[in-house]
């Protein structure tokens, strides 16, 4: 699985070169973005792809010195489960 940065999104490409999932975000000001969607194709579910996509978004925020508002229900659940993500979570 390969994860790539796109325009306001990070997406997953499987070994056959097919896009199988994405996390999308909306820039909010200069130092924040909102995760508004995380999705994985039905055939690719159960492989931890969505978790990896959110993880990559967190790494992007850390690298760019930005905060994240996780509005997408999946991303919000990931932030609740992983205390290490709190460092990039915007104040609630």
PDB file of N, CA and C in Angstrom:
ATOM      1  N   UNK A   1       0.844  -1.177   0.000  1.00  0.00           N
ATOM      2  CA  UNK A   1       0.000   0.000   0.000  1.00  0.00           C
ATOM      3  C   UNK A   1       0.889   1.239   0.000  1.00  0.00           C
ATOM      4  N   UNK A   2       0.526   2.181  -0.820  1.00  0.00           N
ATOM      5  CA  UNK A   2       1.266   3.434  -0.899  1.00  0.00           C
ATOM      6  C   UNK A   2       0.311   4.581  -0.571  1.00  0.00           C
ATOM      7  N   UNK A   3       0.800   5.541   0.193  1.00  0.00           N
ATOM      8  CA  UNK A   3      -0.011   6.696   0.588  1.00  0.00           C
ATOM      9  C   UNK A   3       0.579   7.937  -0.056  1.00  0.00           C
ATOM     10  N   UNK A   4      -0.271   8.722  -0.712  1.00  0.00           N
ATOM     11  CA  UNK A   4       0.201   9.895  -1.447  1.00  0.00           C
ATOM     12  C   UNK A   4      -0.574  11.139  -1.034  1.00  0.00           C
ATOM     13  N   UNK A   5       0.107  12.262  -1.105  1.00  0.00           N
ATOM     14  CA  UNK A   5      -0.534  13.550  -0.834  1.00  0.00           C
ATOM     15  C   UNK A   5      -1.125  14.088  -2.128  1.00  0.00           C
ATOM     16  N   UNK A   6      -2.355  14.563  -2.037  1.00  0.00           N
ATOM     17  CA  UNK A   6      -3.013  15.190  -3.168  1.00  0.00           C
ATOM     18  C   UNK A   6      -3.499  16.571  -2.765  1.00  0.00           C
ATOM     19  N   UNK A   7      -4.324  17.157  -3.590  1.00  0.00           N
ATOM     20  CA  UNK A   7      -4.900  18.474  -3.300  1.00  0.00           C
ATOM     21  C   UNK A   7      -5.928  18.331  -2.187  1.00  0.00           C
ATOM     22  N   UNK A   8      -5.578  18.774  -0.981  1.00  0.00           N
ATOM     23  CA  UNK A   8      -6.461  18.701   0.191  1.00  0.00           C
ATOM     24  C   UNK A   8      -6.915  17.282   0.505  1.00  0.00           C
ATOM     25  N   UNK A   9      -6.053  16.330   0.261  1.00  0.00           N
ATOM     26  CA  UNK A   9      -6.367  14.943   0.598  1.00  0.00           C
ATOM     27  C   UNK A   9      -5.102  14.108   0.621  1.00  0.00           C
ATOM     28  N   UNK A  10      -5.215  12.961   1.271  1.00  0.00           N
ATOM     29  CA  UNK A  10      -4.189  11.926   1.249  1.00  0.00           C
ATOM     30  C   UNK A  10      -4.912  10.678   0.801  1.00  0.00           C
ATOM     31  N   UNK A  11      -4.327   9.949  -0.135  1.00  0.00           N
ATOM     32  CA  UNK A  11      -5.023   8.782  -0.657  1.00  0.00           C
ATOM     33  C   UNK A  11      -4.128   7.554  -0.672  1.00  0.00           C
ATOM     34  N   UNK A  12      -4.787   6.398  -0.685  1.00  0.00           N
ATOM     35  CA  UNK A  12      -4.103   5.107  -0.648  1.00  0.00           C
ATOM     36  C   UNK A  12      -4.199   4.432  -2.007  1.00  0.00           C
ATOM     37  N   UNK A  13      -3.058   3.917  -2.472  1.00  0.00           N
ATOM     38  CA  UNK A  13      -2.980   3.194  -3.742  1.00  0.00           C
ATOM     39  C   UNK A  13      -2.536   1.769  -3.423  1.00  0.00           C
ATOM     40  N   UNK A  14      -3.303   0.782  -3.909  1.00  0.00           N
ATOM     41  CA  UNK A  14      -2.921  -0.610  -3.639  1.00  0.00           C
ATOM     42  C   UNK A  14      -1.804  -1.057  -4.581  1.00  0.00           C
ATOM     43  N   UNK A  15      -1.379  -2.308  -4.431  1.00  0.00           N
ATOM     44  CA  UNK A  15      -0.258  -2.827  -5.220  1.00  0.00           C
ATOM     45  C   UNK A  15      -0.562  -2.946  -6.709  1.00  0.00           C
ATOM     46  N   UNK A  16      -1.827  -2.871  -7.074  1.00  0.00           N
ATOM     47  CA  UNK A  16      -2.213  -2.902  -8.488  1.00  0.00           C
ATOM     48  C   UNK A  16      -2.333  -1.487  -9.070  1.00  0.00           C
ATOM     49  N   UNK A  17      -2.030  -0.476  -8.262  1.00  0.00           N
ATOM     50  CA  UNK A  17      -2.084   0.905  -8.727  1.00  0.00           C
ATOM     51  C   UNK A  17      -3.467   1.525  -8.687  1.00  0.00           C
ATOM     52  N   UNK A  18      -4.390   0.893  -7.944  1.00  0.00           N
ATOM     53  CA  UNK A  18      -5.766   1.385  -7.854  1.00  0.00           C
ATOM     54  C   UNK A  18      -5.946   2.161  -6.555  1.00  0.00           C
ATOM     55  N   UNK A  19      -6.605   3.313  -6.646  1.00  0.00           N
ATOM     56  CA  UNK A  19      -6.898   4.088  -5.451  1.00  0.00           C
ATOM     57  C   UNK A  19      -8.002   3.381  -4.665  1.00  0.00           C
ATOM     58  N   UNK A  20      -7.744   3.132  -3.368  1.00  0.00           N
ATOM     59  CA  UNK A  20      -8.707   2.372  -2.562  1.00  0.00           C
ATOM     60  C   UNK A  20      -9.222   3.127  -1.344  1.00  0.00           C
ATOM     61  N   UNK A  21      -8.700   4.330  -1.095  1.00  0.00           N
ATOM     62  CA  UNK A  21      -9.188   5.085   0.054  1.00  0.00           C
ATOM     63  C   UNK A  21      -8.616   6.475   0.084  1.00  0.00           C
ATOM     64  N   UNK A  22      -9.276   7.337   0.871  1.00  0.00           N
ATOM     65  CA  UNK A  22      -8.787   8.705   1.004  1.00  0.00           C
ATOM     66  C   UNK A  22      -9.257   9.321   2.311  1.00  0.00           C
ATOM     67  N   UNK A  23      -8.498  10.304   2.754  1.00  0.00           N
ATOM     68  CA  UNK A  23      -8.907  11.203   3.815  1.00  0.00           C
ATOM     69  C   UNK A  23      -8.847  12.590   3.189  1.00  0.00           C
ATOM     70  N   UNK A  24      -9.923  13.364   3.362  1.00  0.00           N
ATOM     71  CA  UNK A  24      -9.954  14.701   2.772  1.00  0.00           C
ATOM     72  C   UNK A  24     -10.023  15.738   3.881  1.00  0.00           C
ATOM     73  N   UNK A  25      -9.490  16.904   3.583  1.00  0.00           N
ATOM     74  CA  UNK A  25      -9.491  17.959   4.585  1.00  0.00           C
ATOM     75  C   UNK A  25      -9.692  19.315   3.932  1.00  0.00           C
ATOM     76  N   UNK A  26     -10.160  20.238   4.753  1.00  0.00           N
ATOM     77  CA  UNK A  26     -10.444  21.598   4.321  1.00  0.00           C
ATOM     78  C   UNK A  26      -9.511  22.533   5.088  1.00  0.00           C
ATOM     79  N   UNK A  27      -8.650  23.264   4.371  1.00  0.00           N
ATOM     80  CA  UNK A  27      -7.801  24.231   5.074  1.00  0.00           C
ATOM     81  C   UNK A  27      -8.664  25.289   5.763  1.00  0.00           C
ATOM     82  N   UNK A  28      -8.299  25.620   6.986  1.00  0.00           N
ATOM     83  CA  UNK A  28      -9.028  26.612   7.774  1.00  0.00           C
ATOM     84  C   UNK A  28      -7.997  27.577   8.334  1.00  0.00           C
ATOM     85  N   UNK A  29      -7.883  28.725   7.707  1.00  0.00           N
ATOM     86  CA  UNK A  29      -6.840  29.649   8.111  1.00  0.00           C
ATOM     87  C   UNK A  29      -5.487  29.119   7.693  1.00  0.00           C
ATOM     88  N   UNK A  30      -4.441  29.688   8.262  1.00  0.00           N
ATOM     89  CA  UNK A  30      -3.087  29.296   7.869  1.00  0.00           C
ATOM     90  C   UNK A  30      -2.518  28.165   8.716  1.00  0.00           C
ATOM     91  N   UNK A  31      -3.128  27.909   9.862  1.00  0.00           N
ATOM     92  CA  UNK A  31      -2.505  26.946  10.772  1.00  0.00           C
ATOM     93  C   UNK A  31      -3.430  25.815  11.215  1.00  0.00           C
ATOM     94  N   UNK A  32      -4.441  25.530  10.407  1.00  0.00           N
ATOM     95  CA  UNK A  32      -5.400  24.500  10.808  1.00  0.00           C
ATOM     96  C   UNK A  32      -6.079  23.895   9.586  1.00  0.00           C
ATOM     97  N   UNK A  33      -6.501  22.623   9.718  1.00  0.00           N
ATOM     98  CA  UNK A  33      -7.381  22.041   8.711  1.00  0.00           C
ATOM     99  C   UNK A  33      -8.382  21.103   9.370  1.00  0.00           C
ATOM    100  N   UNK A  34      -9.492  20.930   8.681  1.00  0.00           N
ATOM    101  CA  UNK A  34     -10.582  20.085   9.162  1.00  0.00           C
ATOM    102  C   UNK A  34     -10.575  18.789   8.360  1.00  0.00           C
ATOM    103  N   UNK A  35     -10.531  17.655   9.051  1.00  0.00           N
ATOM    104  CA  UNK A  35     -10.729  16.375   8.357  1.00  0.00           C
ATOM    105  C   UNK A  35     -12.233  16.211   8.230  1.00  0.00           C
ATOM    106  N   UNK A  36     -12.711  16.196   6.978  1.00  0.00           N
ATOM    107  CA  UNK A  36     -14.157  16.126   6.766  1.00  0.00           C
ATOM    108  C   UNK A  36     -14.635  14.789   6.203  1.00  0.00           C
ATOM    109  N   UNK A  37     -13.703  13.924   5.809  1.00  0.00           N
ATOM    110  CA  UNK A  37     -14.125  12.643   5.233  1.00  0.00           C
ATOM    111  C   UNK A  37     -12.973  11.652   5.272  1.00  0.00           C
ATOM    112  N   UNK A  38     -13.289  10.428   5.644  1.00  0.00           N
ATOM    113  CA  UNK A  38     -12.353   9.305   5.524  1.00  0.00           C
ATOM    114  C   UNK A  38     -13.147   8.172   4.900  1.00  0.00           C
ATOM    115  N   UNK A  39     -12.641   7.628   3.814  1.00  0.00           N
ATOM    116  CA  UNK A  39     -13.369   6.554   3.146  1.00  0.00           C
ATOM    117  C   UNK A  39     -12.442   5.525   2.540  1.00  0.00           C
ATOM    118  N   UNK A  40     -12.889   4.275   2.556  1.00  0.00           N
ATOM    119  CA  UNK A  40     -12.139   3.163   1.969  1.00  0.00           C
ATOM    120  C   UNK A  40     -13.123   2.317   1.173  1.00  0.00           C
ATOM    121  N   UNK A  41     -12.708   1.901  -0.020  1.00  0.00           N
ATOM    122  CA  UNK A  41     -13.553   1.040  -0.839  1.00  0.00           C
ATOM    123  C   UNK A  41     -13.930  -0.218  -0.066  1.00  0.00           C
ATOM    124  N   UNK A  42     -15.157  -0.684  -0.282  1.00  0.00           N
ATOM    125  CA  UNK A  42     -15.645  -1.874   0.424  1.00  0.00           C
ATOM    126  C   UNK A  42     -14.688  -3.050   0.299  1.00  0.00           C
ATOM    127  N   UNK A  43     -14.134  -3.274  -0.889  1.00  0.00           N
ATOM    128  CA  UNK A  43     -13.256  -4.431  -1.117  1.00  0.00           C
ATOM    129  C   UNK A  43     -11.944  -4.339  -0.351  1.00  0.00           C
ATOM    130  N   UNK A  44     -11.579  -3.140   0.098  1.00  0.00           N
ATOM    131  CA  UNK A  44     -10.296  -2.947   0.784  1.00  0.00           C
ATOM    132  C   UNK A  44     -10.452  -2.754   2.290  1.00  0.00           C
ATOM    133  N   UNK A  45     -11.667  -2.872   2.787  1.00  0.00           N
ATOM    134  CA  UNK A  45     -11.891  -2.653   4.222  1.00  0.00           C
ATOM    135  C   UNK A  45     -11.263  -3.765   5.055  1.00  0.00           C
ATOM    136  N   UNK A  46     -11.018  -3.441   6.321  1.00  0.00           N
ATOM    137  CA  UNK A  46     -10.466  -4.429   7.247  1.00  0.00           C
ATOM    138  C   UNK A  46      -8.956  -4.570   7.177  1.00  0.00           C
ATOM    139  N   UNK A  47      -8.297  -3.681   6.446  1.00  0.00           N
ATOM    140  CA  UNK A  47      -6.840  -3.764   6.311  1.00  0.00           C
ATOM    141  C   UNK A  47      -6.121  -2.640   7.049  1.00  0.00           C
ATOM    142  N   UNK A  48      -6.870  -1.819   7.782  1.00  0.00           N
ATOM    143  CA  UNK A  48      -6.260  -0.735   8.533  1.00  0.00           C
ATOM    144  C   UNK A  48      -5.927   0.488   7.686  1.00  0.00           C
ATOM    145  N   UNK A  49      -6.497   0.557   6.490  1.00  0.00           N
ATOM    146  CA  UNK A  49      -6.191   1.660   5.575  1.00  0.00           C
ATOM    147  C   UNK A  49      -6.696   2.990   6.129  1.00  0.00           C
ATOM    148  N   UNK A  50      -7.908   3.019   6.627  1.00  0.00           N
ATOM    149  CA  UNK A  50      -8.471   4.269   7.156  1.00  0.00           C
ATOM    150  C   UNK A  50      -7.634   4.780   8.330  1.00  0.00           C
ATOM    151  N   UNK A  51      -7.203   3.883   9.203  1.00  0.00           N
ATOM    152  CA  UNK A  51      -6.360   4.288  10.328  1.00  0.00           C
ATOM    153  C   UNK A  51      -5.055   4.900   9.825  1.00  0.00           C
ATOM    154  N   UNK A  52      -4.462   4.285   8.799  1.00  0.00           N
ATOM    155  CA  UNK A  52      -3.218   4.800   8.230  1.00  0.00           C
ATOM    156  C   UNK A  52      -3.423   6.161   7.583  1.00  0.00           C
ATOM    157  N   UNK A  53      -4.554   6.354   6.929  1.00  0.00           N
ATOM    158  CA  UNK A  53      -4.832   7.643   6.296  1.00  0.00           C
ATOM    159  C   UNK A  53      -4.911   8.755   7.342  1.00  0.00           C
ATOM    160  N   UNK A  54      -5.600   8.493   8.452  1.00  0.00           N
ATOM    161  CA  UNK A  54      -5.693   9.486   9.522  1.00  0.00           C
ATOM    162  C   UNK A  54      -4.308   9.721  10.122  1.00  0.00           C
ATOM    163  N   UNK A  55      -3.543   8.658  10.292  1.00  0.00           N
ATOM    164  CA  UNK A  55      -2.183   8.780  10.830  1.00  0.00           C
ATOM    165  C   UNK A  55      -1.332   9.683   9.925  1.00  0.00           C
ATOM    166  N   UNK A  56      -1.451   9.500   8.610  1.00  0.00           N
ATOM    167  CA  UNK A  56      -0.703  10.335   7.679  1.00  0.00           C
ATOM    168  C   UNK A  56      -1.146  11.804   7.771  1.00  0.00           C
ATOM    169  N   UNK A  57      -2.429  12.031   7.977  1.00  0.00           N
ATOM    170  CA  UNK A  57      -2.924  13.406   8.140  1.00  0.00           C
ATOM    171  C   UNK A  57      -2.332  14.035   9.400  1.00  0.00           C
ATOM    172  N   UNK A  58      -2.238  13.255  10.471  1.00  0.00           N
ATOM    173  CA  UNK A  58      -1.637  13.748  11.721  1.00  0.00           C
ATOM    174  C   UNK A  58      -0.166  14.075  11.489  1.00  0.00           C
ATOM    175  N   UNK A  59       0.545  13.206  10.776  1.00  0.00           N
ATOM    176  CA  UNK A  59       1.959  13.449  10.488  1.00  0.00           C
ATOM    177  C   UNK A  59       2.129  14.706   9.631  1.00  0.00           C
ATOM    178  N   UNK A  60       1.233  14.904   8.688  1.00  0.00           N
ATOM    179  CA  UNK A  60       1.266  16.107   7.840  1.00  0.00           C
ATOM    180  C   UNK A  60       1.088  17.352   8.710  1.00  0.00           C
ATOM    181  N   UNK A  61       0.120  17.312   9.615  1.00  0.00           N
ATOM    182  CA  UNK A  61      -0.126  18.454  10.497  1.00  0.00           C
ATOM    183  C   UNK A  61       1.107  18.748  11.354  1.00  0.00           C
ATOM    184  N   UNK A  62       1.711  17.701  11.908  1.00  0.00           N
ATOM    185  CA  UNK A  62       2.908  17.889  12.730  1.00  0.00           C
ATOM    186  C   UNK A  62       4.027  18.528  11.903  1.00  0.00           C
ATOM    187  N   UNK A  63       4.256  18.014  10.711  1.00  0.00           N
ATOM    188  CA  UNK A  63       5.333  18.510   9.853  1.00  0.00           C
ATOM    189  C   UNK A  63       5.121  19.970   9.455  1.00  0.00           C
ATOM    190  N   UNK A  64       3.862  20.363   9.309  1.00  0.00           N
ATOM    191  CA  UNK A  64       3.547  21.721   8.868  1.00  0.00           C
ATOM    192  C   UNK A  64       3.218  22.667  10.023  1.00  0.00           C
ATOM    193  N   UNK A  65       3.281  22.149  11.262  1.00  0.00           N
ATOM    194  CA  UNK A  65       2.968  22.970  12.425  1.00  0.00           C
ATOM    195  C   UNK A  65       1.517  23.402  12.477  1.00  0.00           C
ATOM    196  N   UNK A  66       0.615  22.513  12.041  1.00  0.00           N
ATOM    197  CA  UNK A  66      -0.809  22.836  11.990  1.00  0.00           C
ATOM    198  C   UNK A  66      -1.596  22.014  12.995  1.00  0.00           C
ATOM    199  N   UNK A  67      -2.813  22.459  13.246  1.00  0.00           N
ATOM    200  CA  UNK A  67      -3.744  21.738  14.107  1.00  0.00           C
ATOM    201  C   UNK A  67      -4.844  21.134  13.231  1.00  0.00           C
ATOM    202  N   UNK A  68      -5.531  20.133  13.779  1.00  0.00           N
ATOM    203  CA  UNK A  68      -6.601  19.436  13.059  1.00  0.00           C
ATOM    204  C   UNK A  68      -7.893  19.505  13.871  1.00  0.00           C
ATOM    205  N   UNK A  69      -8.982  19.745  13.164  1.00  0.00           N
ATOM    206  CA  UNK A  69     -10.318  19.570  13.733  1.00  0.00           C
ATOM    207  C   UNK A  69     -10.878  18.311  13.061  1.00  0.00           C
ATOM    208  N   UNK A  70     -11.026  17.209  13.811  1.00  0.00           N
ATOM    209  CA  UNK A  70     -11.530  15.969  13.206  1.00  0.00           C
ATOM    210  C   UNK A  70     -13.062  15.927  13.205  1.00  0.00           C
ATOM    211  N   UNK A  71     -13.684  16.458  12.164  1.00  0.00           N
ATOM    212  CA  UNK A  71     -15.149  16.446  12.079  1.00  0.00           C
ATOM    213  C   UNK A  71     -15.694  15.122  11.569  1.00  0.00           C
ATOM    214  N   UNK A  72     -14.968  14.470  10.682  1.00  0.00           N
ATOM    215  CA  UNK A  72     -15.389  13.170  10.163  1.00  0.00           C
ATOM    216  C   UNK A  72     -15.530  12.202  11.344  1.00  0.00           C
ATOM    217  N   UNK A  73     -16.633  11.466  11.426  1.00  0.00           N
ATOM    218  CA  UNK A  73     -16.838  10.553  12.564  1.00  0.00           C
ATOM    219  C   UNK A  73     -15.703   9.550  12.756  1.00  0.00           C
ATOM    220  N   UNK A  74     -15.160   9.017  11.675  1.00  0.00           N
ATOM    221  CA  UNK A  74     -14.076   8.045  11.812  1.00  0.00           C
ATOM    222  C   UNK A  74     -12.834   8.710  12.396  1.00  0.00           C
ATOM    223  N   UNK A  75     -12.456   9.865  11.845  1.00  0.00           N
ATOM    224  CA  UNK A  75     -11.272  10.574  12.333  1.00  0.00           C
ATOM    225  C   UNK A  75     -11.464  10.982  13.796  1.00  0.00           C
ATOM    226  N   UNK A  76     -12.671  11.432  14.123  1.00  0.00           N
ATOM    227  CA  UNK A  76     -12.970  11.831  15.499  1.00  0.00           C
ATOM    228  C   UNK A  76     -12.765  10.638  16.444  1.00  0.00           C
ATOM    229  N   UNK A  77     -13.208   9.471  16.038  1.00  0.00           N
ATOM    230  CA  UNK A  77     -13.033   8.258  16.849  1.00  0.00           C
ATOM    231  C   UNK A  77     -11.552   7.898  16.989  1.00  0.00           C
ATOM    232  N   UNK A  78     -10.790   8.050  15.922  1.00  0.00           N
ATOM    233  CA  UNK A  78      -9.351   7.767  15.977  1.00  0.00           C
ATOM    234  C   UNK A  78      -8.653   8.715  16.951  1.00  0.00           C
ATOM    235  N   UNK A  79      -9.016   9.989  16.918  1.00  0.00           N
ATOM    236  CA  UNK A  79      -8.421  10.960  17.835  1.00  0.00           C
ATOM    237  C   UNK A  79      -8.778  10.605  19.278  1.00  0.00           C
ATOM    238  N   UNK A  80      -9.997  10.123  19.501  1.00  0.00           N
ATOM    239  CA  UNK A  80     -10.414   9.746  20.856  1.00  0.00           C
ATOM    240  C   UNK A  80      -9.642   8.520  21.355  1.00  0.00           C
ATOM    241  N   UNK A  81      -9.287   7.603  20.441  1.00  0.00           N
ATOM    242  CA  UNK A  81      -8.592   6.369  20.814  1.00  0.00           C
ATOM    243  C   UNK A  81      -7.096   6.543  20.989  1.00  0.00           C
ATOM    244  N   UNK A  82      -6.527   7.554  20.330  1.00  0.00           N
ATOM    245  CA  UNK A  82      -5.069   7.677  20.295  1.00  0.00           C
ATOM    246  C   UNK A  82      -4.620   8.977  20.957  1.00  0.00           C
ATOM    247  N   UNK A  83      -4.213   8.909  22.208  1.00  0.00           N
ATOM    248  CA  UNK A  83      -3.804  10.124  22.929  1.00  0.00           C
ATOM    249  C   UNK A  83      -2.672  10.878  22.228  1.00  0.00           C
ATOM    250  N   UNK A  84      -1.824  10.165  21.493  1.00  0.00           N
ATOM    251  CA  UNK A  84      -0.702  10.822  20.808  1.00  0.00           C
ATOM    252  C   UNK A  84      -1.164  11.798  19.722  1.00  0.00           C
ATOM    253  N   UNK A  85      -2.419  11.686  19.290  1.00  0.00           N
ATOM    254  CA  UNK A  85      -2.966  12.611  18.281  1.00  0.00           C
ATOM    255  C   UNK A  85      -3.392  13.943  18.900  1.00  0.00           C
ATOM    256  N   UNK A  86      -3.526  13.968  20.234  1.00  0.00           N
ATOM    257  CA  UNK A  86      -4.007  15.180  20.900  1.00  0.00           C
ATOM    258  C   UNK A  86      -3.098  16.386  20.659  1.00  0.00           C
ATOM    259  N   UNK A  87      -1.821  16.139  20.405  1.00  0.00           N
ATOM    260  CA  UNK A  87      -0.864  17.216  20.189  1.00  0.00           C
ATOM    261  C   UNK A  87      -1.239  18.076  18.975  1.00  0.00           C
ATOM    262  N   UNK A  88      -1.933  17.506  18.009  1.00  0.00           N
ATOM    263  CA  UNK A  88      -2.319  18.273  16.819  1.00  0.00           C
ATOM    264  C   UNK A  88      -3.816  18.609  16.790  1.00  0.00           C
ATOM    265  N   UNK A  89      -4.564  18.146  17.776  1.00  0.00           N
ATOM    266  CA  UNK A  89      -6.000  18.430  17.782  1.00  0.00           C
ATOM    267  C   UNK A  89      -6.248  19.865  18.236  1.00  0.00           C
ATOM    268  N   UNK A  90      -7.033  20.580  17.433  1.00  0.00           N
ATOM    269  CA  UNK A  90      -7.398  21.947  17.794  1.00  0.00           C
ATOM    270  C   UNK A  90      -8.270  21.904  19.049  1.00  0.00           C
ATOM    271  N   UNK A  91      -8.213  22.967  19.804  1.00  0.00           N
ATOM    272  CA  UNK A  91      -9.032  23.043  21.024  1.00  0.00           C
ATOM    273  C   UNK A  91     -10.493  22.765  20.680  1.00  0.00           C
ATOM    274  N   UNK A  92     -11.109  21.982  21.535  1.00  0.00           N
ATOM    275  CA  UNK A  92     -12.492  21.576  21.282  1.00  0.00           C
ATOM    276  C   UNK A  92     -13.448  22.683  21.622  1.00  0.00           C
TER     277      UNK A  92
END
